[in-house]
C-alpha atoms as a PDB file:
ATOM      1  CA  MET A   1       0.423  -0.309  -0.059  1.00  0.00           C
ATOM      2  CA  LYS A   2       1.046   3.470  -0.520  1.00  0.00           C
ATOM      3  CA  ALA A   3       2.143   5.719   2.021  1.00  0.00           C
ATOM      4  CA  TRP A   4      -0.294   8.227   2.735  1.00  0.00           C
ATOM      5  CA  TYR A   5       1.988  11.399   1.265  1.00  0.00           C
ATOM      6  CA  GLU A   6       1.785   9.553  -2.089  1.00  0.00           C
ATOM      7  CA  ARG A   7      -2.261   9.044  -1.988  1.00  0.00           C
ATOM      8  CA  SER A   8      -3.018  12.493  -0.516  1.00  0.00           C
ATOM      9  CA  PHE A   9      -1.392  15.554  -2.488  1.00  0.00           C
ATOM     10  CA  GLY A  10      -2.768  15.456  -6.218  1.00  0.00           C
ATOM     11  CA  SER A  11      -6.116  16.718  -7.486  1.00  0.00           C
ATOM     12  CA  ASP A  12      -7.902  16.520  -4.364  1.00  0.00           C
ATOM     13  CA  TYR A  13      -5.739  17.831  -2.505  1.00  0.00           C
ATOM     14  CA  MET A  14      -5.342  20.982  -4.302  1.00  0.00           C
ATOM     15  CA  LEU A  15      -9.442  21.137  -4.180  1.00  0.00           C
ATOM     16  CA  VAL A  16      -9.067  21.431  -0.304  1.00  0.00           C
ATOM     17  CA  TYR A  17      -6.489  23.458  -0.075  1.00  0.00           C
ATOM     18  CA  LYS A  18      -7.300  26.155  -2.457  1.00  0.00           C
ATOM     19  CA  HIS A  19      -7.941  28.619  -0.237  1.00  0.00           C
ATOM     20  CA  ARG A  20      -4.487  29.281   0.175  1.00  0.00           C
ATOM     21  CA  ASN A  21      -3.269  32.662  -1.223  1.00  0.00           C
ATOM     22  CA  TRP A  22      -1.320  33.245  -3.844  1.00  0.00           C
ATOM     23  CA  GLU A  23      -0.745  36.915  -2.523  1.00  0.00           C
ATOM     24  CA  GLN A  24      -0.189  35.725   1.060  1.00  0.00           C
ATOM     25  CA  ALA A  25       2.802  33.717  -0.207  1.00  0.00           C
ATOM     26  CA  GLU A  26       4.882  37.002  -1.868  1.00  0.00           C
ATOM     27  CA  GLN A  27       4.446  38.237   1.832  1.00  0.00           C
ATOM     28  CA  GLU A  28       5.805  35.325   3.317  1.00  0.00           C
ATOM     29  CA  VAL A  29       8.620  35.152   1.308  1.00  0.00           C
ATOM     30  CA  GLN A  30       9.448  39.000   1.285  1.00  0.00           C
ATOM     31  CA  ARG A  31       9.734  38.389   5.608  1.00  0.00           C
ATOM     32  CA  MET A  32      11.513  35.075   5.000  1.00  0.00           C
ATOM     33  CA  SER A  33      13.865  36.181   2.567  1.00  0.00           C
ATOM     34  CA  GLY A  34      15.183  38.443   4.737  1.00  0.00           C
ATOM     35  CA  TRP A  35      15.494  36.591   7.661  1.00  0.00           C
ATOM     36  CA  LEU A  36      17.578  33.771   5.081  1.00  0.00           C
ATOM     37  CA  GLU A  37      19.688  37.505   4.704  1.00  0.00           C
ATOM     38  CA  LEU A  38      19.174  36.037   0.678  1.00  0.00           C
ATOM     39  CA  ARG A  39      20.984  37.769  -2.050  1.00  0.00           C
ATOM     40  CA  LYS A  40      20.296  38.334  -5.286  1.00  0.00           C
ATOM     41  CA  ASN A  41      20.838  35.839  -7.613  1.00  0.00           C
ATOM     42  CA  ASP A  42      21.280  33.474  -4.798  1.00  0.00           C
ATOM     43  CA  LYS A  43      20.451  29.897  -5.517  1.00  0.00           C
ATOM     44  CA  VAL A  44      17.038  28.831  -3.328  1.00  0.00           C
ATOM     45  CA  LEU A  45      15.747  25.119  -3.516  1.00  0.00           C
ATOM     46  CA  ASP A  46      12.224  24.933  -2.695  1.00  0.00           C
ATOM     47  CA  ILE A  47      12.019  21.922  -0.561  1.00  0.00           C
ATOM     48  CA  GLY A  48       8.151  20.700  -0.898  1.00  0.00           C
ATOM     49  CA  CYS A  49       7.417  22.640  -3.776  1.00  0.00           C
ATOM     50  CA  GLY A  50       4.031  21.885  -4.212  1.00  0.00           C
ATOM     51  CA  MET A  51       1.622  23.855  -6.642  1.00  0.00           C
ATOM     52  CA  GLY A  52       4.707  26.450  -6.759  1.00  0.00           C
ATOM     53  CA  ARG A  53       3.050  29.168  -4.659  1.00  0.00           C
ATOM     54  CA  HIS A  54       6.580  30.220  -2.689  1.00  0.00           C
ATOM     55  CA  SER A  55       9.331  29.185  -5.165  1.00  0.00           C
ATOM     56  CA  LEU A  56       7.265  31.471  -7.516  1.00  0.00           C
ATOM     57  CA  ALA A  57       7.156  34.305  -5.621  1.00  0.00           C
ATOM     58  CA  LEU A  58      10.840  33.514  -4.124  1.00  0.00           C
ATOM     59  CA  ALA A  59      12.071  33.832  -8.249  1.00  0.00           C
ATOM     60  CA  GLU A  60      10.038  36.827  -8.415  1.00  0.00           C
ATOM     61  CA  LEU A  61      12.372  38.853  -5.988  1.00  0.00           C
ATOM     62  CA  GLY A  62      15.386  38.079  -8.196  1.00  0.00           C
ATOM     63  CA  TYR A  63      16.450  34.619  -6.648  1.00  0.00           C
ATOM     64  CA  GLU A  64      17.445  31.018  -8.739  1.00  0.00           C
ATOM     65  CA  VAL A  65      14.684  29.053  -8.234  1.00  0.00           C
ATOM     66  CA  THR A  66      14.183  25.360  -7.780  1.00  0.00           C
ATOM     67  CA  GLY A  67      11.513  23.231  -6.345  1.00  0.00           C
ATOM     68  CA  ILE A  68      10.755  19.469  -5.756  1.00  0.00           C
ATOM     69  CA  ASP A  69       7.991  17.774  -4.978  1.00  0.00           C
ATOM     70  CA  LEU A  70       6.815  13.822  -4.964  1.00  0.00           C
ATOM     71  CA  SER A  71       3.546  14.970  -6.998  1.00  0.00           C
ATOM     72  CA  GLU A  72       3.962  14.700 -10.441  1.00  0.00           C
ATOM     73  CA  GLU A  73       0.122  16.571 -10.244  1.00  0.00           C
ATOM     74  CA  LEU A  74       0.995  19.173  -7.817  1.00  0.00           C
ATOM     75  CA  LEU A  75       4.147  19.489 -10.185  1.00  0.00           C
ATOM     76  CA  GLN A  76       1.826  20.132 -13.414  1.00  0.00           C
ATOM     77  CA  GLU A  77       0.078  23.037 -11.644  1.00  0.00           C
ATOM     78  CA  ALA A  78       3.147  24.467 -10.317  1.00  0.00           C
ATOM     79  CA  ARG A  79       4.478  24.317 -14.136  1.00  0.00           C
ATOM     80  CA  ARG A  80       0.854  25.744 -15.056  1.00  0.00           C
ATOM     81  CA  HIS A  81       1.941  29.309 -13.016  1.00  0.00           C
ATOM     82  CA  ASN A  82       5.776  29.129 -14.260  1.00  0.00           C
ATOM     83  CA  GLU A  83       4.909  29.132 -18.105  1.00  0.00           C
ATOM     84  CA  ASP A  84       7.366  32.158 -18.621  1.00  0.00           C
ATOM     85  CA  GLY A  85      10.050  30.275 -16.650  1.00  0.00           C
ATOM     86  CA  ARG A  86      10.795  32.374 -13.572  1.00  0.00           C
ATOM     87  CA  ILE A  87      11.306  29.103 -11.618  1.00  0.00           C
ATOM     88  CA  LYS A  88      13.967  27.721 -13.416  1.00  0.00           C
ATOM     89  CA  GLU A  89      13.367  24.271 -12.240  1.00  0.00           C
ATOM     90  CA  LEU A  90      10.212  22.222 -11.054  1.00  0.00           C
ATOM     91  CA  ILE A  91      11.375  18.918 -10.559  1.00  0.00           C
ATOM     92  CA  ARG A  92       9.542  15.133  -9.079  1.00  0.00           C
ATOM     93  CA  GLY A  93      12.026  13.950  -6.531  1.00  0.00           C
ATOM     94  CA  ASP A  94      11.789  12.043  -2.803  1.00  0.00           C
ATOM     95  CA  MET A  95      13.168  14.426  -0.587  1.00  0.00           C
ATOM     96  CA  ARG A  96      15.304  12.077   1.229  1.00  0.00           C
ATOM     97  CA  GLU A  97      17.280  11.572  -1.753  1.00  0.00           C
ATOM     98  CA  LEU A  98      17.435  15.092  -3.353  1.00  0.00           C
ATOM     99  CA  PRO A  99      18.913  14.598  -6.976  1.00  0.00           C
ATOM    100  CA  PHE A 100      21.595  17.647  -6.684  1.00  0.00           C
ATOM    101  CA  ALA A 101      25.059  17.753  -6.266  1.00  0.00           C
ATOM    102  CA  GLU A 102      26.473  18.681  -2.854  1.00  0.00           C
ATOM    103  CA  GLY A 103      26.465  22.159  -2.257  1.00  0.00           C
ATOM    104  CA  ARG A 104      24.795  23.382  -4.934  1.00  0.00           C
ATOM    105  CA  PHE A 105      22.785  25.703  -2.974  1.00  0.00           C
ATOM    106  CA  ASP A 106      22.812  28.767  -1.377  1.00  0.00           C
ATOM    107  CA  ALA A 107      19.561  28.309   0.705  1.00  0.00           C
ATOM    108  CA  THR A 108      17.061  26.079   1.416  1.00  0.00           C
ATOM    109  CA  VAL A 109      13.229  26.245   1.888  1.00  0.00           C
ATOM    110  CA  ASN A 110      10.669  23.778   3.345  1.00  0.00           C
ATOM    111  CA  LEU A 111       7.124  25.686   3.796  1.00  0.00           C
ATOM    112  CA  PHE A 112       3.790  24.955   5.503  1.00  0.00           C
ATOM    113  CA  THR A 113       4.667  21.682   7.423  1.00  0.00           C
ATOM    114  CA  SER A 114       5.894  19.845   4.899  1.00  0.00           C
ATOM    115  CA  PHE A 115       8.329  17.840   7.506  1.00  0.00           C
ATOM    116  CA  GLY A 116       7.776  14.968   9.694  1.00  0.00           C
ATOM    117  CA  TYR A 117       5.933  13.134   7.054  1.00  0.00           C
ATOM    118  CA  PHE A 118       7.726   9.319   7.539  1.00  0.00           C
ATOM    119  CA  GLU A 119       6.707   6.818   9.700  1.00  0.00           C
ATOM    120  CA  GLN A 120      10.674   6.150  10.292  1.00  0.00           C
ATOM    121  CA  GLU A 121      12.798   8.901  12.813  1.00  0.00           C
ATOM    122  CA  ASN A 122      15.666   8.063  10.729  1.00  0.00           C
ATOM    123  CA  ASP A 123      13.820   9.393   7.308  1.00  0.00           C
ATOM    124  CA  ASN A 124      12.705  12.921   8.547  1.00  0.00           C
ATOM    125  CA  LYS A 125      16.863  12.824  10.075  1.00  0.00           C
ATOM    126  CA  ARG A 126      17.753  12.266   6.571  1.00  0.00           C
ATOM    127  CA  VAL A 127      15.872  14.882   5.163  1.00  0.00           C
ATOM    128  CA  LEU A 128      17.702  17.174   7.444  1.00  0.00           C
ATOM    129  CA  MET A 129      20.796  15.633   6.081  1.00  0.00           C
ATOM    130  CA  GLU A 130      20.019  16.352   2.974  1.00  0.00           C
ATOM    131  CA  ILE A 131      19.257  19.815   3.573  1.00  0.00           C
ATOM    132  CA  ARG A 132      23.061  19.964   4.103  1.00  0.00           C
ATOM    133  CA  ARG A 133      24.582  18.464   1.791  1.00  0.00           C
ATOM    134  CA  VAL A 134      22.855  20.505  -0.598  1.00  0.00           C
ATOM    135  CA  LEU A 135      23.389  23.593   0.810  1.00  0.00           C
ATOM    136  CA  ARG A 136      27.203  25.364   0.469  1.00  0.00           C
ATOM    137  CA  GLU A 137      29.340  25.803   3.581  1.00  0.00           C
ATOM    138  CA  GLY A 138      27.272  28.681   5.751  1.00  0.00           C
ATOM    139  CA  GLY A 139      24.331  28.544   3.052  1.00  0.00           C
ATOM    140  CA  ARG A 140      20.988  29.081   4.764  1.00  0.00           C
ATOM    141  CA  PHE A 141      18.199  26.902   5.574  1.00  0.00           C
ATOM    142  CA  LEU A 142      14.297  27.245   6.913  1.00  0.00           C
ATOM    143  CA  ILE A 143      11.840  25.056   7.996  1.00  0.00           C
ATOM    144  CA  ASP A 144       8.338  26.138   8.680  1.00  0.00           C
ATOM    145  CA  PHE A 145       7.232  23.966  10.801  1.00  0.00           C
ATOM    146  CA  LEU A 146       3.546  23.363  13.304  1.00  0.00           C
ATOM    147  CA  ASN A 147       3.931  24.157  17.076  1.00  0.00           C
ATOM    148  CA  PRO A 148       3.284  21.126  18.811  1.00  0.00           C
ATOM    149  CA  VAL A 149       2.403  22.379  22.156  1.00  0.00           C
ATOM    150  CA  TYR A 150      -0.447  25.175  20.289  1.00  0.00           C
ATOM    151  CA  VAL A 151      -1.476  22.038  18.160  1.00  0.00           C
ATOM    152  CA  GLU A 152      -2.511  20.259  20.893  1.00  0.00           C
ATOM    153  CA  HIS A 153      -4.288  23.425  22.297  1.00  0.00           C
ATOM    154  CA  ASN A 154      -5.901  24.547  19.758  1.00  0.00           C
ATOM    155  CA  LEU A 155      -7.113  21.686  17.718  1.00  0.00           C
ATOM    156  CA  VAL A 156     -10.266  21.893  16.007  1.00  0.00           C
ATOM    157  CA  PRO A 157     -11.629  18.309  16.063  1.00  0.00           C
ATOM    158  CA  ARG A 158     -14.175  18.807  13.091  1.00  0.00           C
ATOM    159  CA  SER A 159     -14.467  21.033  10.422  1.00  0.00           C
ATOM    160  CA  GLU A 160     -17.335  21.156   7.364  1.00  0.00           C
ATOM    161  CA  ARG A 161     -17.808  22.475   4.115  1.00  0.00           C
ATOM    162  CA  VAL A 162     -19.148  22.957   1.141  1.00  0.00           C
ATOM    163  CA  ASP A 163     -16.956  23.900  -2.167  1.00  0.00           C
ATOM    164  CA  GLU A 164     -19.067  26.888  -4.568  1.00  0.00           C
ATOM    165  CA  ALA A 165     -17.488  25.977  -7.384  1.00  0.00           C
ATOM    166  CA  SER A 166     -17.694  22.348  -7.091  1.00  0.00           C
ATOM    167  CA  GLY A 167     -20.886  21.564  -4.925  1.00  0.00           C
ATOM    168  CA  LEU A 168     -18.623  19.194  -3.483  1.00  0.00           C
ATOM    169  CA  ARG A 169     -18.494  18.626   0.633  1.00  0.00           C
ATOM    170  CA  ILE A 170     -15.896  18.718   2.531  1.00  0.00           C
ATOM    171  CA  VAL A 171     -15.393  17.104   5.873  1.00  0.00           C
ATOM    172  CA  GLU A 172     -12.317  17.655   7.940  1.00  0.00           C
ATOM    173  CA  THR A 173     -11.508  15.638  10.836  1.00  0.00           C
ATOM    174  CA  ARG A 174      -8.502  16.041  13.294  1.00  0.00           C
ATOM    175  CA  ALA A 175      -6.996  14.185  16.662  1.00  0.00           C
ATOM    176  CA  VAL A 176      -3.455  13.782  18.283  1.00  0.00           C
ATOM    177  CA  SER A 177      -2.324  10.035  18.480  1.00  0.00           C
ATOM    178  CA  ASP A 178       0.679   8.712  20.016  1.00  0.00           C
ATOM    179  CA  GLY A 179       2.721  11.657  18.797  1.00  0.00           C
ATOM    180  CA  TRP A 180       1.307  12.415  15.054  1.00  0.00           C
ATOM    181  CA  VAL A 181      -1.989  14.974  14.263  1.00  0.00           C
ATOM    182  CA  VAL A 182      -3.712  13.485  12.300  1.00  0.00           C
ATOM    183  CA  LYS A 183      -6.073  14.572   9.246  1.00  0.00           C
ATOM    184  CA  GLY A 184      -8.748  12.726   8.008  1.00  0.00           C
ATOM    185  CA  ILE A 185     -10.390  14.203   5.072  1.00  0.00           C
ATOM    186  CA  SER A 186     -13.722  12.904   2.783  1.00  0.00           C
ATOM    187  CA  ILE A 187     -15.060  14.500   0.305  1.00  0.00           C
ATOM    188  CA  GLY A 188     -18.311  13.584  -2.241  1.00  0.00           C
ATOM    189  CA  ALA A 189     -21.256  15.272  -3.417  1.00  0.00           C
ATOM    190  CA  GLN A 190     -24.103  12.999  -1.388  1.00  0.00           C
ATOM    191  CA  ALA A 191     -24.784  13.909   1.866  1.00  0.00           C
ATOM    192  CA  ASP A 192     -25.153  10.114   3.078  1.00  0.00           C
ATOM    193  CA  GLY A 193     -21.395   9.813   2.150  1.00  0.00           C
ATOM    194  CA  SER A 194     -22.181   7.065  -0.493  1.00  0.00           C
ATOM    195  CA  ASP A 195     -19.546   8.697  -3.550  1.00  0.00           C
ATOM    196  CA  GLU A 196     -16.977   9.380  -0.565  1.00  0.00           C
ATOM    197  CA  ARG A 197     -13.382   9.672  -1.147  1.00  0.00           C
ATOM    198  CA  GLN A 198     -11.237   9.654   1.727  1.00  0.00           C
ATOM    199  CA  TYR A 199      -7.755  10.672   2.545  1.00  0.00           C
ATOM    200  CA  GLU A 200      -5.048  10.742   5.713  1.00  0.00           C
ATOM    201  CA  GLU A 201      -2.084  13.328   6.447  1.00  0.00           C
ATOM    202  CA  ARG A 202      -0.190  12.305   8.953  1.00  0.00           C
ATOM    203  CA  VAL A 203       2.891  14.505  10.678  1.00  0.00           C
ATOM    204  CA  ARG A 204       4.971  13.847  14.013  1.00  0.00           C
ATOM    205  CA  LEU A 205       4.840  16.552  16.465  1.00  0.00           C
ATOM    206  CA  TYR A 206       8.436  17.267  16.977  1.00  0.00           C
ATOM    207  CA  PRO A 207       9.396  19.417  19.473  1.00  0.00           C
ATOM    208  CA  LEU A 208      12.050  22.084  19.250  1.00  0.00           C
ATOM    209  CA  MET A 209      14.047  20.326  21.445  1.00  0.00           C
ATOM    210  CA  TRP A 210      13.777  17.419  18.734  1.00  0.00           C
ATOM    211  CA  PHE A 211      15.083  20.053  16.307  1.00  0.00           C
ATOM    212  CA  GLN A 212      17.757  21.594  18.221  1.00  0.00           C
ATOM    213  CA  ALA A 213      19.397  17.844  18.761  1.00  0.00           C
ATOM    214  CA  ALA A 214      18.596  16.726  14.769  1.00  0.00           C
ATOM    215  CA  LEU A 215      19.497  19.886  13.123  1.00  0.00           C
ATOM    216  CA  ALA A 216      23.117  19.882  15.304  1.00  0.00           C
ATOM    217  CA  GLU A 217      23.400  15.865  14.477  1.00  0.00           C
ATOM    218  CA  ALA A 218      23.026  17.021  10.546  1.00  0.00           C
ATOM    219  CA  GLY A 219      25.360  19.802  10.537  1.00  0.00           C
ATOM    220  CA  LEU A 220      22.694  22.452  10.724  1.00  0.00           C
ATOM    221  CA  GLU A 221      23.119  25.230  13.341  1.00  0.00           C
ATOM    222  CA  LEU A 222      19.922  26.613  14.529  1.00  0.00           C
ATOM    223  CA  GLU A 223      20.174  30.954  14.810  1.00  0.00           C
ATOM    224  CA  HIS A 224      16.883  31.551  15.028  1.00  0.00           C
ATOM    225  CA  VAL A 225      12.687  30.132  16.021  1.00  0.00           C
ATOM    226  CA  TYR A 226       9.852  32.094  14.823  1.00  0.00           C
ATOM    227  CA  GLY A 227       6.491  31.740  16.592  1.00  0.00           C
ATOM    228  CA  ASP A 228       5.086  32.885  13.347  1.00  0.00           C
ATOM    229  CA  TYR A 229       4.600  34.380   9.675  1.00  0.00           C
ATOM    230  CA  GLU A 230       4.917  38.115  11.016  1.00  0.00           C
ATOM    231  CA  GLY A 231       8.248  37.459  12.805  1.00  0.00           C
ATOM    232  CA  ARG A 232       7.586  37.212  16.190  1.00  0.00           C
ATOM    233  CA  ALA A 233       9.217  35.541  18.620  1.00  0.00           C
ATOM    234  CA  TYR A 234       8.397  31.763  19.460  1.00  0.00           C
ATOM    235  CA  GLU A 235       7.031  30.755  22.795  1.00  0.00           C
ATOM    236  CA  GLU A 236       5.889  27.571  23.101  1.00  0.00           C
ATOM    237  CA  VAL A 237       2.342  27.614  24.287  1.00  0.00           C
ATOM    238  CA  ALA A 238       0.984  30.753  22.265  1.00  0.00           C
ATOM    239  CA  SER A 239       3.171  30.402  19.004  1.00  0.00           C
ATOM    240  CA  PRO A 240       1.071  29.119  16.106  1.00  0.00           C
ATOM    241  CA  ARG A 241       3.972  28.236  14.069  1.00  0.00           C
ATOM    242  CA  MET A 242       7.876  27.305  14.729  1.00  0.00           C
ATOM    243  CA  ILE A 243       9.896  28.768  11.756  1.00  0.00           C
ATOM    244  CA  LEU A 244      13.635  27.612  12.245  1.00  0.00           C
ATOM    245  CA  THR A 245      16.371  29.476  10.593  1.00  0.00           C
ATOM    246  CA  GLY A 246      20.098  29.054  10.812  1.00  0.00           C
ATOM    247  CA  ARG A 247      22.831  28.244   8.381  1.00  0.00           C
ATOM    248  CA  ALA A 248      25.496  24.441   7.607  1.00  0.00           C
ATOM    249  CA  VAL A 249      28.208  24.401   9.175  1.00  0.00           C
ATOM    250  CA  CYS A 250      31.473  21.990   9.279  1.00  0.00           C
END
């Protein structure tokens, strides 16, 4: 059986998350590029680029951007938005085995909780090792992750809505289970659920202490932790996000 991340990131994913705002992505990237101290023409790798919102925003700021994602359907959507070629490359690949030479990039970004997908902890650590491998010495990284404590205290157990364009009913359930936050998604037109398509998303609830140790083990020095996209300082209970920035070291 395919892993959840091989099943979930397709055309229905674009329906469930189509509310994600492209203009908002531009604002987020402007702040993040400052946190990363990026310079014009720096080579940036967007790991888990999805539909390309942030990759395109980075490219528009003058960086040489490569996006990589496992989902060919999401990459097709990214390519549709990249008809003028502002994003240099959009490549299908696994973040545990990045298809790039050592030291190729000046910076990497991993955005919107595109981390902690894998059942085996060593696979998640391997992603960090790969980030270090493709960064030049002194290159910068950013990992935009959820804040586990905030999630546990503020999780909405169930939500339901109807997509106006398609008329499809979307139901999302959420729970914390055995160190994971688990979201169930059902999509269908009939109220009785007879035609539902069902998906599951799972993310490991790694706390800051785990990242501190795992980043150091990978050769990545953690320098700053932001608590939201506005750049406020991270607070364990109050911050909705845990945005980690730092650099590659020897």
